[in-house]
Amino acid sequence: GQLIAPWGGTRTSVEFFRKYREAFGEVIRAEVTG
């Protein structure tokens, strides 16, 4: 259902995405929430 990055700065989220993107699979939608 949901995979949540550990709290941290932007770099932490970029690293988290890179680490898990293959297992997560193809991204088809993105929402920037503000």
Full PDB file with SEQRES, HELIX, SHEET, SSBOND, CRYST1, ORIGX, SCALE, CONECT and MASTER records, all heavy atoms in Angstrom:
SEQRES   1 A   34  GLY GLN LEU ILE ALA PRO TRP GLY GLY THR ARG THR SER          
SEQRES   2 A   34  VAL GLU PHE PHE ARG LYS TYR ARG GLU ALA PHE GLY GLU          
SEQRES   3 A   34  VAL ILE ARG ALA GLU VAL THR GLY                              
HELIX    1 AA1 THR A   10  PHE A   24  1                                  15    
CRYST1    1.000    1.000    1.000  90.00  90.00  90.00 P 1           1          
ORIGX1      1.000000  0.000000  0.000000        0.00000                         
ORIGX2      0.000000  1.000000  0.000000        0.00000                         
ORIGX3      0.000000  0.000000  1.000000        0.00000                         
SCALE1      1.000000  0.000000  0.000000        0.00000                         
SCALE2      0.000000  1.000000  0.000000        0.00000                         
SCALE3      0.000000  0.000000  1.000000        0.00000                         
ATOM      1  N   GLY A   1       0.810  -1.212   0.000  1.00  0.00           N  
ATOM      2  CA  GLY A   1       0.000   0.000   0.000  1.00  0.00           C  
ATOM      3  C   GLY A   1       0.835   1.250   0.000  1.00  0.00           C  
ATOM      4  O   GLY A   1       0.836   1.985  -0.964  1.00  0.00           O  
ATOM      5  N   GLN A   2       1.585   1.507   1.076  1.00  0.00           N  
ATOM      6  CA  GLN A   2       2.401   2.709   1.153  1.00  0.00           C  
ATOM      7  C   GLN A   2       3.815   2.372   1.611  1.00  0.00           C  
ATOM      8  O   GLN A   2       4.012   1.575   2.514  1.00  0.00           O  
ATOM      9  CB  GLN A   2       1.802   3.722   2.122  1.00  0.00           C  
ATOM     10  CG  GLN A   2       0.544   4.369   1.611  1.00  0.00           C  
ATOM     11  CD  GLN A   2       0.068   5.470   2.535  1.00  0.00           C  
ATOM     12  OE1 GLN A   2       0.295   5.439   3.732  1.00  0.00           O  
ATOM     13  NE2 GLN A   2      -0.591   6.450   1.970  1.00  0.00           N  
ATOM     14  N   LEU A   3       4.749   3.027   0.991  1.00  0.00           N  
ATOM     15  CA  LEU A   3       6.154   2.935   1.348  1.00  0.00           C  
ATOM     16  C   LEU A   3       6.572   4.351   1.718  1.00  0.00           C  
ATOM     17  O   LEU A   3       6.532   5.247   0.883  1.00  0.00           O  
ATOM     18  CB  LEU A   3       6.947   2.420   0.149  1.00  0.00           C  
ATOM     19  CG  LEU A   3       8.439   2.222   0.307  1.00  0.00           C  
ATOM     20  CD1 LEU A   3       8.723   1.182   1.393  1.00  0.00           C  
ATOM     21  CD2 LEU A   3       9.047   1.766  -1.003  1.00  0.00           C  
ATOM     22  N   ILE A   4       6.927   4.568   2.973  1.00  0.00           N  
ATOM     23  CA  ILE A   4       7.184   5.913   3.462  1.00  0.00           C  
ATOM     24  C   ILE A   4       8.667   6.071   3.773  1.00  0.00           C  
ATOM     25  O   ILE A   4       9.246   5.298   4.532  1.00  0.00           O  
ATOM     26  CB  ILE A   4       6.336   6.214   4.711  1.00  0.00           C  
ATOM     27  CG1 ILE A   4       4.847   6.035   4.376  1.00  0.00           C  
ATOM     28  CG2 ILE A   4       6.613   7.620   5.229  1.00  0.00           C  
ATOM     29  CD1 ILE A   4       3.923   6.132   5.561  1.00  0.00           C  
ATOM     30  N   ALA A   5       9.260   7.103   3.190  1.00  0.00           N  
ATOM     31  CA  ALA A   5      10.674   7.380   3.426  1.00  0.00           C  
ATOM     32  C   ALA A   5      10.890   7.780   4.877  1.00  0.00           C  
ATOM     33  O   ALA A   5      10.016   8.377   5.498  1.00  0.00           O  
ATOM     34  CB  ALA A   5      11.140   8.513   2.505  1.00  0.00           C  
ATOM     35  N   PRO A   6      12.066   7.468   5.434  1.00  0.00           N  
ATOM     36  CA  PRO A   6      12.364   7.934   6.787  1.00  0.00           C  
ATOM     37  C   PRO A   6      12.437   9.454   6.803  1.00  0.00           C  
ATOM     38  O   PRO A   6      12.790  10.077   5.802  1.00  0.00           O  
ATOM     39  CB  PRO A   6      13.725   7.304   7.091  1.00  0.00           C  
ATOM     40  CG  PRO A   6      14.318   6.991   5.773  1.00  0.00           C  
ATOM     41  CD  PRO A   6      13.187   6.754   4.827  1.00  0.00           C  
ATOM     42  N   TRP A   7      12.086  10.057   7.948  1.00  0.00           N  
ATOM     43  CA  TRP A   7      12.121  11.513   8.030  1.00  0.00           C  
ATOM     44  C   TRP A   7      13.557  11.985   7.867  1.00  0.00           C  
ATOM     45  O   TRP A   7      14.482  11.399   8.394  1.00  0.00           O  
ATOM     46  CB  TRP A   7      11.552  11.993   9.364  1.00  0.00           C  
ATOM     47  CG  TRP A   7      11.519  13.481   9.407  1.00  0.00           C  
ATOM     48  CD1 TRP A   7      12.329  14.288  10.137  1.00  0.00           C  
ATOM     49  CD2 TRP A   7      10.666  14.345   8.664  1.00  0.00           C  
ATOM     50  NE1 TRP A   7      12.027  15.596   9.903  1.00  0.00           N  
ATOM     51  CE2 TRP A   7      11.019  15.672   9.002  1.00  0.00           C  
ATOM     52  CE3 TRP A   7       9.645  14.137   7.739  1.00  0.00           C  
ATOM     53  CZ2 TRP A   7      10.374  16.786   8.457  1.00  0.00           C  
ATOM     54  CZ3 TRP A   7       9.002  15.243   7.200  1.00  0.00           C  
ATOM     55  CH2 TRP A   7       9.364  16.539   7.554  1.00  0.00           C  
ATOM     56  N   GLY A   8      13.711  13.026   7.120  1.00  0.00           N  
ATOM     57  CA  GLY A   8      15.031  13.595   6.870  1.00  0.00           C  
ATOM     58  C   GLY A   8      14.885  14.682   5.828  1.00  0.00           C  
ATOM     59  O   GLY A   8      13.781  15.079   5.470  1.00  0.00           O  
ATOM     60  N   GLY A   9      15.970  15.139   5.319  1.00  0.00           N  
ATOM     61  CA  GLY A   9      15.950  16.185   4.310  1.00  0.00           C  
ATOM     62  C   GLY A   9      15.646  15.636   2.926  1.00  0.00           C  
ATOM     63  O   GLY A   9      15.406  14.440   2.736  1.00  0.00           O  
ATOM     64  N   THR A  10      15.682  16.526   1.978  1.00  0.00           N  
ATOM     65  CA  THR A  10      15.417  16.163   0.590  1.00  0.00           C  
ATOM     66  C   THR A  10      16.373  15.072   0.115  1.00  0.00           C  
ATOM     67  O   THR A  10      15.963  14.133  -0.565  1.00  0.00           O  
ATOM     68  CB  THR A  10      15.538  17.407  -0.314  1.00  0.00           C  
ATOM     69  OG1 THR A  10      14.660  18.418   0.184  1.00  0.00           O  
ATOM     70  CG2 THR A  10      15.165  17.085  -1.749  1.00  0.00           C  
ATOM     71  N   ARG A  11      17.625  15.177   0.489  1.00  0.00           N  
ATOM     72  CA  ARG A  11      18.613  14.177   0.051  1.00  0.00           C  
ATOM     73  C   ARG A  11      18.249  12.783   0.538  1.00  0.00           C  
ATOM     74  O   ARG A  11      18.451  11.800  -0.169  1.00  0.00           O  
ATOM     75  CB  ARG A  11      20.003  14.563   0.539  1.00  0.00           C  
ATOM     76  CG  ARG A  11      20.562  15.746  -0.198  1.00  0.00           C  
ATOM     77  CD  ARG A  11      21.972  16.071   0.253  1.00  0.00           C  
ATOM     78  NE  ARG A  11      22.361  17.351  -0.324  1.00  0.00           N  
ATOM     79  CZ  ARG A  11      23.047  18.270   0.322  1.00  0.00           C  
ATOM     80  NH1 ARG A  11      23.440  18.053   1.567  1.00  0.00           N  
ATOM     81  NH2 ARG A  11      23.368  19.397  -0.265  1.00  0.00           N  
ATOM     82  N   THR A  12      17.723  12.700   1.749  1.00  0.00           N  
ATOM     83  CA  THR A  12      17.294  11.406   2.289  1.00  0.00           C  
ATOM     84  C   THR A  12      16.210  10.798   1.405  1.00  0.00           C  
ATOM     85  O   THR A  12      16.230   9.602   1.109  1.00  0.00           O  
ATOM     86  CB  THR A  12      16.774  11.566   3.732  1.00  0.00           C  
ATOM     87  OG1 THR A  12      17.810  12.109   4.540  1.00  0.00           O  
ATOM     88  CG2 THR A  12      16.313  10.239   4.303  1.00  0.00           C  
ATOM     89  N   SER A  13      15.265  11.624   0.970  1.00  0.00           N  
ATOM     90  CA  SER A  13      14.187  11.133   0.112  1.00  0.00           C  
ATOM     91  C   SER A  13      14.697  10.735  -1.263  1.00  0.00           C  
ATOM     92  O   SER A  13      14.259   9.722  -1.813  1.00  0.00           O  
ATOM     93  CB  SER A  13      13.084  12.192  -0.008  1.00  0.00           C  
ATOM     94  OG  SER A  13      12.336  12.236   1.183  1.00  0.00           O  
ATOM     95  N   VAL A  14      15.624  11.497  -1.828  1.00  0.00           N  
ATOM     96  CA  VAL A  14      16.195  11.140  -3.133  1.00  0.00           C  
ATOM     97  C   VAL A  14      16.920   9.794  -3.023  1.00  0.00           C  
ATOM     98  O   VAL A  14      16.742   8.911  -3.865  1.00  0.00           O  
ATOM     99  CB  VAL A  14      17.134  12.246  -3.653  1.00  0.00           C  
ATOM    100  CG1 VAL A  14      17.884  11.779  -4.900  1.00  0.00           C  
ATOM    101  CG2 VAL A  14      16.354  13.522  -3.957  1.00  0.00           C  
ATOM    102  N   GLU A  15      17.705   9.619  -1.962  1.00  0.00           N  
ATOM    103  CA  GLU A  15      18.422   8.356  -1.758  1.00  0.00           C  
ATOM    104  C   GLU A  15      17.451   7.191  -1.552  1.00  0.00           C  
ATOM    105  O   GLU A  15      17.672   6.095  -2.074  1.00  0.00           O  
ATOM    106  CB  GLU A  15      19.366   8.470  -0.555  1.00  0.00           C  
ATOM    107  CG  GLU A  15      20.542   9.390  -0.809  1.00  0.00           C  
ATOM    108  CD  GLU A  15      21.322   9.737   0.458  1.00  0.00           C  
ATOM    109  OE1 GLU A  15      21.014   9.190   1.541  1.00  0.00           O  
ATOM    110  OE2 GLU A  15      22.239  10.574   0.355  1.00  0.00           O  
ATOM    111  N   PHE A  16      16.384   7.415  -0.800  1.00  0.00           N  
ATOM    112  CA  PHE A  16      15.372   6.396  -0.558  1.00  0.00           C  
ATOM    113  C   PHE A  16      14.717   5.975  -1.877  1.00  0.00           C  
ATOM    114  O   PHE A  16      14.565   4.787  -2.158  1.00  0.00           O  
ATOM    115  CB  PHE A  16      14.322   6.941   0.417  1.00  0.00           C  
ATOM    116  CG  PHE A  16      13.273   5.944   0.820  1.00  0.00           C  
ATOM    117  CD1 PHE A  16      13.501   5.070   1.867  1.00  0.00           C  
ATOM    118  CD2 PHE A  16      12.049   5.907   0.173  1.00  0.00           C  
ATOM    119  CE1 PHE A  16      12.536   4.161   2.260  1.00  0.00           C  
ATOM    120  CE2 PHE A  16      11.072   5.001   0.558  1.00  0.00           C  
ATOM    121  CZ  PHE A  16      11.314   4.125   1.601  1.00  0.00           C  
ATOM    122  N   PHE A  17      14.344   6.954  -2.700  1.00  0.00           N  
ATOM    123  CA  PHE A  17      13.754   6.659  -4.008  1.00  0.00           C  
ATOM    124  C   PHE A  17      14.712   5.816  -4.843  1.00  0.00           C  
ATOM    125  O   PHE A  17      14.308   4.804  -5.430  1.00  0.00           O  
ATOM    126  CB  PHE A  17      13.403   7.958  -4.745  1.00  0.00           C  
ATOM    127  CG  PHE A  17      13.043   7.724  -6.179  1.00  0.00           C  
ATOM    128  CD1 PHE A  17      11.818   7.161  -6.525  1.00  0.00           C  
ATOM    129  CD2 PHE A  17      13.934   8.034  -7.192  1.00  0.00           C  
ATOM    130  CE1 PHE A  17      11.494   6.920  -7.857  1.00  0.00           C  
ATOM    131  CE2 PHE A  17      13.614   7.806  -8.519  1.00  0.00           C  
ATOM    132  CZ  PHE A  17      12.393   7.247  -8.852  1.00  0.00           C  
ATOM    133  N   ARG A  18      15.946   6.223  -4.906  1.00  0.00           N  
ATOM    134  CA  ARG A  18      16.929   5.491  -5.715  1.00  0.00           C  
ATOM    135  C   ARG A  18      17.139   4.067  -5.210  1.00  0.00           C  
ATOM    136  O   ARG A  18      17.310   3.145  -6.001  1.00  0.00           O  
ATOM    137  CB  ARG A  18      18.248   6.250  -5.745  1.00  0.00           C  
ATOM    138  CG  ARG A  18      18.158   7.507  -6.590  1.00  0.00           C  
ATOM    139  CD  ARG A  18      19.407   8.335  -6.533  1.00  0.00           C  
ATOM    140  NE  ARG A  18      19.323   9.462  -7.455  1.00  0.00           N  
ATOM    141  CZ  ARG A  18      20.115  10.516  -7.397  1.00  0.00           C  
ATOM    142  NH1 ARG A  18      21.067  10.589  -6.483  1.00  0.00           N  
ATOM    143  NH2 ARG A  18      19.952  11.498  -8.268  1.00  0.00           N  
ATOM    144  N   LYS A  19      17.099   3.890  -3.904  1.00  0.00           N  
ATOM    145  CA  LYS A  19      17.315   2.568  -3.317  1.00  0.00           C  
ATOM    146  C   LYS A  19      16.161   1.613  -3.613  1.00  0.00           C  
ATOM    147  O   LYS A  19      16.375   0.423  -3.855  1.00  0.00           O  
ATOM    148  CB  LYS A  19      17.501   2.704  -1.803  1.00  0.00           C  
ATOM    149  CG  LYS A  19      17.786   1.401  -1.099  1.00  0.00           C  
ATOM    150  CD  LYS A  19      18.070   1.619   0.373  1.00  0.00           C  
ATOM    151  CE  LYS A  19      18.379   0.313   1.065  1.00  0.00           C  
ATOM    152  NZ  LYS A  19      18.740   0.511   2.476  1.00  0.00           N  
ATOM    153  N   TYR A  20      14.930   2.130  -3.603  1.00  0.00           N  
ATOM    154  CA  TYR A  20      13.761   1.257  -3.704  1.00  0.00           C  
ATOM    155  C   TYR A  20      12.980   1.359  -5.018  1.00  0.00           C  
ATOM    156  O   TYR A  20      11.991   0.659  -5.186  1.00  0.00           O  
ATOM    157  CB  TYR A  20      12.808   1.515  -2.527  1.00  0.00           C  
ATOM    158  CG  TYR A  20      13.405   1.098  -1.213  1.00  0.00           C  
ATOM    159  CD1 TYR A  20      13.782   2.040  -0.276  1.00  0.00           C  
ATOM    160  CD2 TYR A  20      13.621  -0.247  -0.919  1.00  0.00           C  
ATOM    161  CE1 TYR A  20      14.344   1.660   0.929  1.00  0.00           C  
ATOM    162  CE2 TYR A  20      14.193  -0.642   0.276  1.00  0.00           C  
ATOM    163  CZ  TYR A  20      14.549   0.322   1.198  1.00  0.00           C  
ATOM    164  OH  TYR A  20      15.114  -0.056   2.387  1.00  0.00           O  
ATOM    165  N   ARG A  21      13.422   2.195  -5.949  1.00  0.00           N  
ATOM    166  CA  ARG A  21      12.616   2.399  -7.164  1.00  0.00           C  
ATOM    167  C   ARG A  21      12.447   1.136  -7.998  1.00  0.00           C  
ATOM    168  O   ARG A  21      11.392   0.906  -8.570  1.00  0.00           O  
ATOM    169  CB  ARG A  21      13.166   3.540  -8.008  1.00  0.00           C  
ATOM    170  CG  ARG A  21      14.483   3.256  -8.668  1.00  0.00           C  
ATOM    171  CD  ARG A  21      14.926   4.412  -9.521  1.00  0.00           C  
ATOM    172  NE  ARG A  21      16.334   4.300  -9.819  1.00  0.00           N  
ATOM    173  CZ  ARG A  21      17.041   5.256 -10.332  1.00  0.00           C  
ATOM    174  NH1 ARG A  21      16.481   6.405 -10.615  1.00  0.00           N  
ATOM    175  NH2 ARG A  21      18.310   5.082 -10.579  1.00  0.00           N  
ATOM    176  N   GLU A  22      13.464   0.302  -8.066  1.00  0.00           N  
ATOM    177  CA  GLU A  22      13.340  -0.917  -8.864  1.00  0.00           C  
ATOM    178  C   GLU A  22      12.298  -1.856  -8.261  1.00  0.00           C  
ATOM    179  O   GLU A  22      11.449  -2.395  -8.963  1.00  0.00           O  
ATOM    180  CB  GLU A  22      14.693  -1.625  -8.978  1.00  0.00           C  
ATOM    181  CG  GLU A  22      14.646  -2.793  -9.944  1.00  0.00           C  
ATOM    182  CD  GLU A  22      16.014  -3.429 -10.135  1.00  0.00           C  
ATOM    183  OE1 GLU A  22      17.021  -2.690 -10.213  1.00  0.00           O  
ATOM    184  OE2 GLU A  22      16.061  -4.666 -10.207  1.00  0.00           O  
ATOM    185  N   ALA A  23      12.342  -2.043  -6.954  1.00  0.00           N  
ATOM    186  CA  ALA A  23      11.365  -2.906  -6.280  1.00  0.00           C  
ATOM    187  C   ALA A  23       9.972  -2.295  -6.326  1.00  0.00           C  
ATOM    188  O   ALA A  23       8.973  -3.008  -6.406  1.00  0.00           O  
ATOM    189  CB  ALA A  23      11.773  -3.141  -4.834  1.00  0.00           C  
ATOM    190  N   PHE A  24       9.891  -0.968  -6.287  1.00  0.00           N  
ATOM    191  CA  PHE A  24       8.602  -0.267  -6.305  1.00  0.00           C  
ATOM    192  C   PHE A  24       7.913  -0.421  -7.655  1.00  0.00           C  
ATOM    193  O   PHE A  24       6.703  -0.508  -7.747  1.00  0.00           O  
ATOM    194  CB  PHE A  24       8.815   1.212  -5.968  1.00  0.00           C  
ATOM    195  CG  PHE A  24       7.553   2.000  -5.797  1.00  0.00           C  
ATOM    196  CD1 PHE A  24       6.705   1.765  -4.722  1.00  0.00           C  
ATOM    197  CD2 PHE A  24       7.210   2.987  -6.706  1.00  0.00           C  
ATOM    198  CE1 PHE A  24       5.547   2.497  -4.550  1.00  0.00           C  
ATOM    199  CE2 PHE A  24       6.052   3.733  -6.550  1.00  0.00           C  
ATOM    200  CZ  PHE A  24       5.216   3.483  -5.469  1.00  0.00           C  
ATOM    201  N   GLY A  25       8.691  -0.449  -8.702  1.00  0.00           N  
ATOM    202  CA  GLY A  25       8.123  -0.619 -10.043  1.00  0.00           C  
ATOM    203  C   GLY A  25       7.857   0.704 -10.735  1.00  0.00           C  
ATOM    204  O   GLY A  25       8.198   1.774 -10.246  1.00  0.00           O  
ATOM    205  N   GLU A  26       7.232   0.604 -11.884  1.00  0.00           N  
ATOM    206  CA  GLU A  26       7.008   1.780 -12.721  1.00  0.00           C  
ATOM    207  C   GLU A  26       6.085   2.794 -12.044  1.00  0.00           C  
ATOM    208  O   GLU A  26       4.974   2.473 -11.625  1.00  0.00           O  
ATOM    209  CB  GLU A  26       6.400   1.379 -14.066  1.00  0.00           C  
ATOM    210  CG  GLU A  26       6.212   2.573 -14.972  1.00  0.00           C  
ATOM    211  CD  GLU A  26       5.531   2.245 -16.281  1.00  0.00           C  
ATOM    212  OE1 GLU A  26       5.184   1.068 -16.508  1.00  0.00           O  
ATOM    213  OE2 GLU A  26       5.327   3.174 -17.070  1.00  0.00           O  
ATOM    214  N   VAL A  27       6.568   4.016 -11.968  1.00  0.00           N  
ATOM    215  CA  VAL A  27       5.775   5.116 -11.427  1.00  0.00           C  
ATOM    216  C   VAL A  27       4.951   5.695 -12.569  1.00  0.00           C  
ATOM    217  O   VAL A  27       5.480   6.012 -13.630  1.00  0.00           O  
ATOM    218  CB  VAL A  27       6.679   6.210 -10.819  1.00  0.00           C  
ATOM    219  CG1 VAL A  27       5.856   7.388 -10.334  1.00  0.00           C  
ATOM    220  CG2 VAL A  27       7.524   5.637  -9.699  1.00  0.00           C  
ATOM    221  N   ILE A  28       3.634   5.804 -12.356  1.00  0.00           N  
ATOM    222  CA  ILE A  28       2.772   6.329 -13.412  1.00  0.00           C  
ATOM    223  C   ILE A  28       2.113   7.662 -13.044  1.00  0.00           C  
ATOM    224  O   ILE A  28       1.555   8.339 -13.897  1.00  0.00           O  
ATOM    225  CB  ILE A  28       1.671   5.314 -13.796  1.00  0.00           C  
ATOM    226  CG1 ILE A  28       0.797   4.978 -12.587  1.00  0.00           C  
ATOM    227  CG2 ILE A  28       2.281   4.070 -14.425  1.00  0.00           C  
ATOM    228  CD1 ILE A  28      -0.485   4.240 -12.946  1.00  0.00           C  
ATOM    229  N   ARG A  29       2.210   8.024 -11.768  1.00  0.00           N  
ATOM    230  CA  ARG A  29       1.583   9.272 -11.326  1.00  0.00           C  
ATOM    231  C   ARG A  29       2.393   9.844 -10.171  1.00  0.00           C  
ATOM    232  O   ARG A  29       2.919   9.100  -9.342  1.00  0.00           O  
ATOM    233  CB  ARG A  29       0.156   8.999 -10.861  1.00  0.00           C  
ATOM    234  CG  ARG A  29      -0.614  10.221 -10.436  1.00  0.00           C  
ATOM    235  CD  ARG A  29      -2.074   9.836 -10.068  1.00  0.00           C  
ATOM    236  NE  ARG A  29      -2.750  10.946  -9.464  1.00  0.00           N  
ATOM    237  CZ  ARG A  29      -2.674  11.272  -8.171  1.00  0.00           C  
ATOM    238  NH1 ARG A  29      -1.956  10.562  -7.348  1.00  0.00           N  
ATOM    239  NH2 ARG A  29      -3.323  12.314  -7.714  1.00  0.00           N  
ATOM    240  N   ALA A  30       2.462  11.176 -10.123  1.00  0.00           N  
ATOM    241  CA  ALA A  30       3.130  11.853  -9.019  1.00  0.00           C  
ATOM    242  C   ALA A  30       2.304  13.056  -8.607  1.00  0.00           C  
ATOM    243  O   ALA A  30       1.700  13.730  -9.444  1.00  0.00           O  
ATOM    244  CB  ALA A  30       4.530  12.290  -9.426  1.00  0.00           C  
ATOM    245  N   GLU A  31       2.272  13.303  -7.302  1.00  0.00           N  
ATOM    246  CA  GLU A  31       1.579  14.468  -6.773  1.00  0.00           C  
ATOM    247  C   GLU A  31       2.520  15.205  -5.829  1.00  0.00           C  
ATOM    248  O   GLU A  31       3.055  14.623  -4.890  1.00  0.00           O  
ATOM    249  CB  GLU A  31       0.328  14.048  -5.997  1.00  0.00           C  
ATOM    250  CG  GLU A  31      -0.396  15.221  -5.370  1.00  0.00           C  
ATOM    251  CD  GLU A  31      -1.575  14.826  -4.498  1.00  0.00           C  
ATOM    252  OE1 GLU A  31      -1.826  13.608  -4.338  1.00  0.00           O  
ATOM    253  OE2 GLU A  31      -2.221  15.723  -3.972  1.00  0.00           O  
ATOM    254  N   VAL A  32       2.733  16.480  -6.112  1.00  0.00           N  
ATOM    255  CA  VAL A  32       3.456  17.354  -5.203  1.00  0.00           C  
ATOM    256  C   VAL A  32       2.373  18.059  -4.398  1.00  0.00           C  
ATOM    257  O   VAL A  32       1.556  18.792  -4.946  1.00  0.00           O  
ATOM    258  CB  VAL A  32       4.343  18.360  -5.963  1.00  0.00           C  
ATOM    259  CG1 VAL A  32       5.059  19.281  -4.984  1.00  0.00           C  
ATOM    260  CG2 VAL A  32       5.349  17.629  -6.838  1.00  0.00           C  
ATOM    261  N   THR A  33       2.366  17.805  -3.080  1.00  0.00           N  
ATOM    262  CA  THR A  33       1.241  18.223  -2.249  1.00  0.00           C  
ATOM    263  C   THR A  33       1.333  19.644  -1.714  1.00  0.00           C  
ATOM    264  O   THR A  33       0.332  20.201  -1.272  1.00  0.00           O  
ATOM    265  CB  THR A  33       1.107  17.288  -1.027  1.00  0.00           C  
ATOM    266  OG1 THR A  33       2.251  17.467  -0.183  1.00  0.00           O  
ATOM    267  CG2 THR A  33       0.968  15.843  -1.456  1.00  0.00           C  
ATOM    268  N   GLY A  34       2.519  20.216  -1.681  1.00  0.00           N  
ATOM    269  CA  GLY A  34       2.698  21.521  -1.066  1.00  0.00           C  
ATOM    270  C   GLY A  34       2.942  21.412   0.435  1.00  0.00           C  
ATOM    271  O   GLY A  34       3.026  22.406   1.142  1.00  0.00           O  
TER     272      GLY A  34                                                      
MASTER        0    0    0    1    0    0    0    6  271    1    0    3          
END                                                                             
